[in-house]
Protein backbone atom coordinates (compact mmCIF):
# COMPACT_ATOMS: atom_id res chain seq x y z
CA UNK A 1 -16.71 -32.30 2.87
CA UNK A 2 -18.91 -29.68 4.54
CA UNK A 3 -21.10 -31.46 7.12
CA UNK A 4 -22.22 -28.22 8.72
CA UNK A 5 -25.65 -26.82 9.37
CA UNK A 6 -24.08 -23.44 10.16
CA UNK A 7 -23.60 -21.36 6.98
CA UNK A 8 -21.88 -18.40 8.61
CA UNK A 9 -20.07 -17.50 11.80
CA UNK A 10 -20.19 -14.37 13.95
CA UNK A 11 -16.76 -13.05 14.96
CA UNK A 12 -16.77 -11.30 18.35
CA UNK A 13 -13.40 -9.61 17.82
CA UNK A 14 -10.92 -8.50 20.47
CA UNK A 15 -13.34 -6.53 22.65
CA UNK A 16 -16.99 -5.47 22.91
CA UNK A 17 -16.07 -2.08 24.44
CA UNK A 18 -16.75 0.61 21.75
CA UNK A 19 -14.15 3.08 23.08
CA UNK A 20 -11.44 0.44 23.37
CA UNK A 21 -12.43 -0.87 19.96
CA UNK A 22 -11.71 2.53 18.38
CA UNK A 23 -8.27 2.67 20.00
CA UNK A 24 -7.47 -0.89 18.91
CA UNK A 25 -8.64 -0.11 15.38
CA UNK A 26 -6.07 2.71 15.09
CA UNK A 27 -3.30 0.57 16.64
CA UNK A 28 -3.99 -2.46 14.45
CA UNK A 29 -4.43 -0.38 11.29
CA UNK A 30 -1.08 1.30 11.94
CA UNK A 31 0.69 -2.01 12.64
CA UNK A 32 -0.86 -3.70 9.61
CA UNK A 33 0.18 -0.79 7.38
CA UNK A 34 3.75 -0.93 8.74
CA UNK A 35 3.85 -4.73 8.34
CA UNK A 36 2.41 -4.70 4.82
CA UNK A 37 4.53 -1.82 3.48
CA UNK A 38 7.68 -3.06 5.24
CA UNK A 39 7.39 -6.56 3.83
CA UNK A 40 6.34 -5.25 0.40
CA UNK A 41 9.49 -3.07 0.32
CA UNK A 42 11.61 -6.14 1.04
CA UNK A 43 9.92 -8.18 -1.70
CA UNK A 44 10.36 -5.44 -4.33
CA UNK A 45 13.95 -4.61 -3.30
CA UNK A 46 15.12 -8.24 -3.44
CA UNK A 47 13.36 -9.02 -6.73
CA UNK A 48 14.77 -5.93 -8.51
CA UNK A 49 18.33 -6.08 -7.13
CA UNK A 50 20.46 -8.88 -8.53
CA UNK A 51 23.08 -8.24 -5.81
CA UNK A 52 20.50 -9.49 -3.30
CA UNK A 53 19.90 -12.77 -5.14
CA UNK A 54 21.76 -14.78 -2.49
CA UNK A 55 20.40 -17.51 -0.16
CA UNK A 56 20.02 -15.20 2.85
CA UNK A 57 17.95 -12.64 0.92
CA UNK A 58 15.94 -15.28 -0.91
CA UNK A 59 14.88 -16.66 2.49
CA UNK A 60 14.06 -13.11 3.63
CA UNK A 61 11.98 -12.68 0.47
CA UNK A 62 10.06 -15.86 1.30
CA UNK A 63 9.57 -14.70 4.91
CA UNK A 64 8.23 -11.32 3.73
CA UNK A 65 5.73 -13.00 1.37
CA UNK A 66 4.58 -15.34 4.16
CA UNK A 67 4.11 -12.37 6.51
CA UNK A 68 2.04 -10.52 3.90
CA UNK A 69 -0.17 -13.60 3.43
CA UNK A 70 -0.53 -14.06 7.21
CA UNK A 71 -1.52 -10.48 8.03
CA UNK A 72 -3.66 -9.93 4.93
CA UNK A 73 -5.67 -13.10 5.51
CA UNK A 74 -6.67 -11.88 9.00
CA UNK A 75 -6.28 -8.15 9.72
CA UNK A 76 -8.40 -6.46 6.98
CA UNK A 77 -11.46 -8.54 7.97
CA UNK A 78 -10.77 -7.80 11.65
CA UNK A 79 -10.57 -4.05 10.94
CA UNK A 80 -13.87 -4.15 9.03
CA UNK A 81 -15.42 -5.98 11.99
CA UNK A 82 -14.16 -3.25 14.35
CA UNK A 83 -15.38 -0.42 12.15
CA UNK A 84 -18.83 -1.73 11.23
CA UNK A 85 -21.50 -3.91 12.76
CA UNK A 86 -20.85 -6.58 10.09
CA UNK A 87 -19.36 -9.32 12.24
CA UNK A 88 -20.46 -12.25 10.08
CA UNK A 89 -18.14 -14.37 7.98
CA UNK A 90 -19.38 -17.10 5.66
CA UNK A 91 -18.43 -20.72 6.33
CA UNK A 92 -16.38 -20.82 3.09
CA UNK A 93 -14.54 -17.56 3.90
CA UNK A 94 -13.81 -18.81 7.40
CA UNK A 95 -12.29 -22.04 6.04
CA UNK A 96 -10.24 -20.05 3.50
CA UNK A 97 -8.93 -17.78 6.25
CA UNK A 98 -8.07 -20.83 8.35
CA UNK A 99 -6.22 -22.46 5.43
CA UNK A 100 -4.06 -19.42 4.57
CA UNK A 101 -3.30 -18.62 8.19
CA UNK A 102 -2.32 -22.23 8.97
CA UNK A 103 -0.16 -22.29 5.83
CA UNK A 104 1.65 -19.09 6.82
CA UNK A 105 2.07 -20.35 10.40
CA UNK A 106 3.79 -23.55 9.24
CA UNK A 107 5.87 -21.77 6.59
CA UNK A 108 7.11 -19.12 9.03
CA UNK A 109 8.24 -21.66 11.62
CA UNK A 110 10.20 -23.71 9.08
CA UNK A 111 11.63 -20.54 7.49
CA UNK A 112 12.99 -19.34 10.85
CA UNK A 113 14.84 -22.67 11.16
CA UNK A 114 16.07 -22.48 7.56
CA UNK A 115 17.35 -18.92 8.05
CA UNK A 116 19.08 -19.91 11.29
CA UNK A 117 20.81 -22.79 9.47
CA UNK A 118 21.88 -20.42 6.67
CA UNK A 119 23.46 -18.03 9.22
CA UNK A 120 25.08 -21.00 11.02
CA UNK A 121 26.78 -22.10 7.79
CA UNK A 122 27.78 -18.50 6.92
CA UNK A 123 29.38 -17.82 10.33
CA UNK A 124 30.75 -21.25 11.28
CA UNK A 125 31.90 -22.35 7.78
CA UNK A 126 32.51 -19.08 5.89
CA UNK A 127 34.98 -20.61 3.42
CA UNK A 128 32.54 -23.37 2.45
CA UNK A 129 29.38 -21.23 2.49
CA UNK A 130 29.00 -20.89 -1.29
CA UNK A 131 29.62 -24.61 -1.77
CA UNK A 132 27.13 -25.71 0.90
CA UNK A 133 24.42 -23.08 0.28
CA UNK A 134 24.42 -23.44 -3.49
CA UNK A 135 21.43 -22.94 -5.78
CA UNK A 136 20.28 -26.55 -5.44
CA UNK A 137 20.40 -26.44 -1.62
CA UNK A 138 18.50 -23.14 -1.57
CA UNK A 139 15.74 -24.49 -3.85
CA UNK A 140 15.58 -27.73 -1.83
CA UNK A 141 15.19 -25.91 1.50
CA UNK A 142 12.48 -23.60 0.12
CA UNK A 143 10.67 -26.54 -1.47
CA UNK A 144 10.73 -28.48 1.81
CA UNK A 145 9.38 -25.40 3.60
CA UNK A 146 6.48 -24.99 1.19
CA UNK A 147 5.62 -28.73 1.18
CA UNK A 148 5.58 -28.87 5.00
CA UNK A 149 3.47 -25.69 5.20
CA UNK A 150 0.98 -26.89 2.58
CA UNK A 151 0.70 -30.36 4.12
CA UNK A 152 0.18 -28.88 7.58
CA UNK A 153 -2.52 -26.55 6.27
CA UNK A 154 -4.36 -29.18 4.21
CA UNK A 155 -4.40 -31.66 7.10
CA UNK A 156 -5.81 -29.23 9.69
CA UNK A 157 -8.25 -27.52 7.33
CA UNK A 158 -9.42 -30.91 6.03
CA UNK A 159 -10.02 -32.16 9.58
CA UNK A 160 -12.02 -29.01 10.41
CA UNK A 161 -14.12 -29.50 7.26
CA UNK A 162 -15.10 -32.95 8.55
CA UNK A 163 -16.67 -31.45 11.69
CA UNK A 164 -20.32 -30.59 12.09
CA UNK A 165 -21.22 -27.07 13.26
CA UNK A 166 -24.87 -27.05 14.35
CA UNK A 167 -24.78 -23.98 16.60
CA UNK A 168 -23.90 -21.78 18.37
CA UNK A 169 -21.98 -20.02 15.61
CA UNK A 170 -20.23 -17.24 17.58
CA UNK A 171 -16.42 -17.32 17.36
CA UNK A 172 -14.93 -15.75 20.49
CA UNK A 173 -11.84 -14.57 18.61
CA UNK A 174 -10.84 -12.00 15.98
CA UNK A 175 -10.37 -14.59 13.21
CA UNK A 176 -11.05 -18.22 12.30
CA UNK A 177 -8.40 -20.19 14.18
CA UNK A 178 -8.41 -23.89 15.06
CA UNK A 179 -9.01 -23.66 18.87
CA UNK A 180 -12.20 -21.51 18.79
CA UNK A 181 -13.58 -23.57 15.89
CA UNK A 182 -13.03 -26.82 17.79
CA UNK A 183 -14.95 -25.38 20.75
CA UNK A 184 -17.98 -24.82 18.47
CA UNK A 185 -18.01 -28.30 16.95
CA UNK A 186 -21.00 -30.55 17.59
CA UNK A 187 -18.98 -33.62 16.58
CA UNK A 188 -15.97 -35.21 18.36
CA UNK A 189 -12.71 -33.26 17.98
CA UNK A 190 -10.29 -35.82 19.46
CA UNK A 191 -8.54 -36.50 16.13
CA UNK A 192 -8.19 -32.74 15.52
CA UNK A 193 -6.64 -32.22 18.96
CA UNK A 194 -4.19 -35.09 18.44
CA UNK A 195 -3.07 -33.73 15.05
CA UNK A 196 -2.73 -30.19 16.46
CA UNK A 197 -0.63 -31.60 19.31
CA UNK A 198 1.55 -33.58 16.88
CA UNK A 199 2.05 -30.48 14.70
CA UNK A 200 2.91 -28.40 17.76
CA UNK A 201 5.53 -30.89 18.92
CA UNK A 202 7.11 -31.45 15.50
CA UNK A 203 6.75 -28.03 13.89
CA UNK A 204 6.74 -25.52 16.75
CA UNK A 205 8.87 -27.19 19.44
CA UNK A 206 10.97 -29.10 16.87
CA UNK A 207 11.77 -26.05 14.75
CA UNK A 208 12.34 -23.85 17.81
CA UNK A 209 14.83 -26.40 19.18
CA UNK A 210 16.71 -26.61 15.86
CA UNK A 211 16.73 -22.80 15.58
CA UNK A 212 18.15 -22.45 19.11
CA UNK A 213 20.82 -25.11 18.38
CA UNK A 214 21.90 -23.18 15.26
CA UNK A 215 22.12 -19.93 17.22
CA UNK A 216 24.00 -21.77 19.98
CA UNK A 217 26.73 -22.71 17.46
CA UNK A 218 26.64 -19.15 16.09
CA UNK A 219 27.14 -17.65 19.57
CA UNK A 220 30.03 -20.08 20.21
CA UNK A 221 31.61 -18.89 16.94
CA UNK A 222 31.09 -15.24 17.95
CA UNK A 223 33.17 -15.80 21.07
CA UNK A 224 36.09 -16.62 18.77
CA UNK A 225 35.86 -13.21 17.08
CA UNK A 226 38.90 -11.25 18.19
CA UNK A 227 37.70 -7.65 17.84
CA UNK A 228 35.41 -6.25 20.54
CA UNK A 229 33.42 -4.27 17.95
CA UNK A 230 32.86 -7.38 15.84
CA UNK A 231 31.64 -9.31 18.88
CA UNK A 232 29.29 -6.51 19.93
CA UNK A 233 27.74 -6.22 16.46
CA UNK A 234 27.33 -10.00 16.10
CA UNK A 235 25.79 -10.35 19.58
CA UNK A 236 23.39 -7.46 18.89
CA UNK A 237 22.18 -9.10 15.66
CA UNK A 238 21.96 -12.55 17.23
CA UNK A 239 20.06 -11.41 20.31
CA UNK A 240 17.50 -9.42 18.28
CA UNK A 241 16.88 -12.45 16.04
CA UNK A 242 16.40 -14.71 19.05
CA UNK A 243 13.97 -12.27 20.69
CA UNK A 244 11.78 -12.15 17.56
CA UNK A 245 11.95 -15.94 17.12
CA UNK A 246 11.00 -16.47 20.78
CA UNK A 247 8.14 -13.96 20.48
CA UNK A 248 6.77 -16.07 17.65
CA UNK A 249 7.34 -19.62 18.83
CA UNK A 250 6.39 -19.18 22.51
CA UNK A 251 2.75 -18.08 22.01
CA UNK A 252 2.27 -20.60 19.16
CA UNK A 253 3.50 -23.48 21.34
CA UNK A 254 1.38 -22.26 24.27
CA UNK A 255 -1.77 -21.90 22.14
CA UNK A 256 -1.69 -25.20 20.27
CA UNK A 257 -0.33 -27.65 22.84
CA UNK A 258 -3.50 -27.57 24.98
CA UNK A 259 -6.83 -29.37 24.45
CA UNK A 260 -9.74 -27.23 23.21
CA UNK A 261 -11.54 -27.47 26.56
CA UNK A 262 -8.75 -25.59 28.37
CA UNK A 263 -8.73 -22.44 26.20
CA UNK A 264 -9.37 -19.04 27.76
CA UNK A 265 -10.33 -17.01 24.71
CA UNK A 266 -10.14 -13.56 26.31
CA UNK A 267 -6.50 -14.20 27.18
CA UNK A 268 -5.66 -16.23 24.09
CA UNK A 269 -6.90 -13.48 21.74
CA UNK A 270 -4.17 -11.19 23.08
CA UNK A 271 -1.58 -13.97 22.75
CA UNK A 272 -2.70 -14.64 19.14
CA UNK A 273 -2.00 -11.00 18.27
CA UNK A 274 1.71 -11.68 18.90
CA UNK A 275 2.08 -14.20 16.08
CA UNK A 276 -0.52 -12.74 13.70
CA UNK A 277 0.61 -9.10 13.72
CA UNK A 278 3.45 -8.21 16.14
CA UNK A 279 6.04 -10.62 14.70
CA UNK A 280 5.21 -9.84 11.02
CA UNK A 281 5.64 -6.14 11.90
CA UNK A 282 8.98 -6.71 13.64
CA UNK A 283 10.47 -9.11 11.05
CA UNK A 284 11.30 -6.44 8.42
CA UNK A 285 12.88 -4.20 11.07
CA UNK A 286 14.97 -6.89 12.76
CA UNK A 287 15.96 -9.02 9.76
CA UNK A 288 16.18 -6.48 6.94
CA UNK A 289 16.03 -2.75 7.62
CA UNK A 290 19.08 -2.86 9.93
CA UNK A 291 21.04 -4.50 7.12
CA UNK A 292 23.11 -2.06 5.02
CA UNK A 293 22.88 -4.17 1.85
CA UNK A 294 19.10 -4.22 2.17
CA UNK A 295 19.00 -0.46 2.82
CA UNK A 296 21.06 0.12 -0.33
CA UNK A 297 18.81 -2.22 -2.33
CA UNK A 298 15.65 -0.42 -1.20
CA UNK A 299 17.18 3.00 -1.96
CA UNK A 300 18.10 1.85 -5.49
CA UNK A 301 14.48 0.95 -6.20
CA UNK A 302 13.04 3.91 -4.27
CA UNK A 303 15.55 6.81 -4.54
CA UNK A 304 13.32 9.12 -2.45
CA UNK A 305 14.11 6.91 0.59
CA UNK A 306 17.85 7.74 0.50
CA UNK A 307 17.57 9.93 3.59
CA UNK A 308 15.46 7.53 5.67
């Protein structure tokens, strides 16, 4: 239920400096274009290539869709804010943005864990991979991911909707995220902070721990690879995955584990850019474009990319 007096919010954006704003507009537009087109290529390639209809690529398909939802729910509005003087966002649009971002945040964290488990089974139990990661298991894991993400989003958005916003209405951020909204609330936010903390412990720290455990077993299995070239390739893939995962989880854990009163929005806006744009831009490069099967799949759908 909307208990608010405020009918719209004013988004300050990343900076008030006009010259820096122009530079950031170009940077963010470029990164958003790369993220959107990169993830869209993955979605199209996997859907139209039956050879890529395996658990690993189905999870990559889900990750690409989540990244498109995440970036598209935030970046276009931010770019418009940078380009024009229209910094306002309606209460309803703000809540919608919050819902879709929170959904994508939860889905991405669980997907990283799911993908790590898939690689753990593939590398540590190669002979049993098809038996373990069968169609039913794949559907179950994706269903669990979506249920957790939706539940997480509904809970946090619902709790925000219960708050009263009576002014001021200026969001010191570049999108509607939980921490800056809590700082504007005229009603108590203790329950919101507790639920955010619980979600951070269970989803962010919990999933990050499980992901690291999976990669720990994978690294142990890599040490048993006899050829030096095989070890080098496996370590390169593993390390790049861990870097991207760490780049995502670390700022999320840092942002959401603190009470609203301790936020420093000038610093936290920069940190938020890591999990709203940087990671979705890197995901296609690290997880897909370095993969020869994915390259072949993309080139089949888009023949003009054969010499990329």
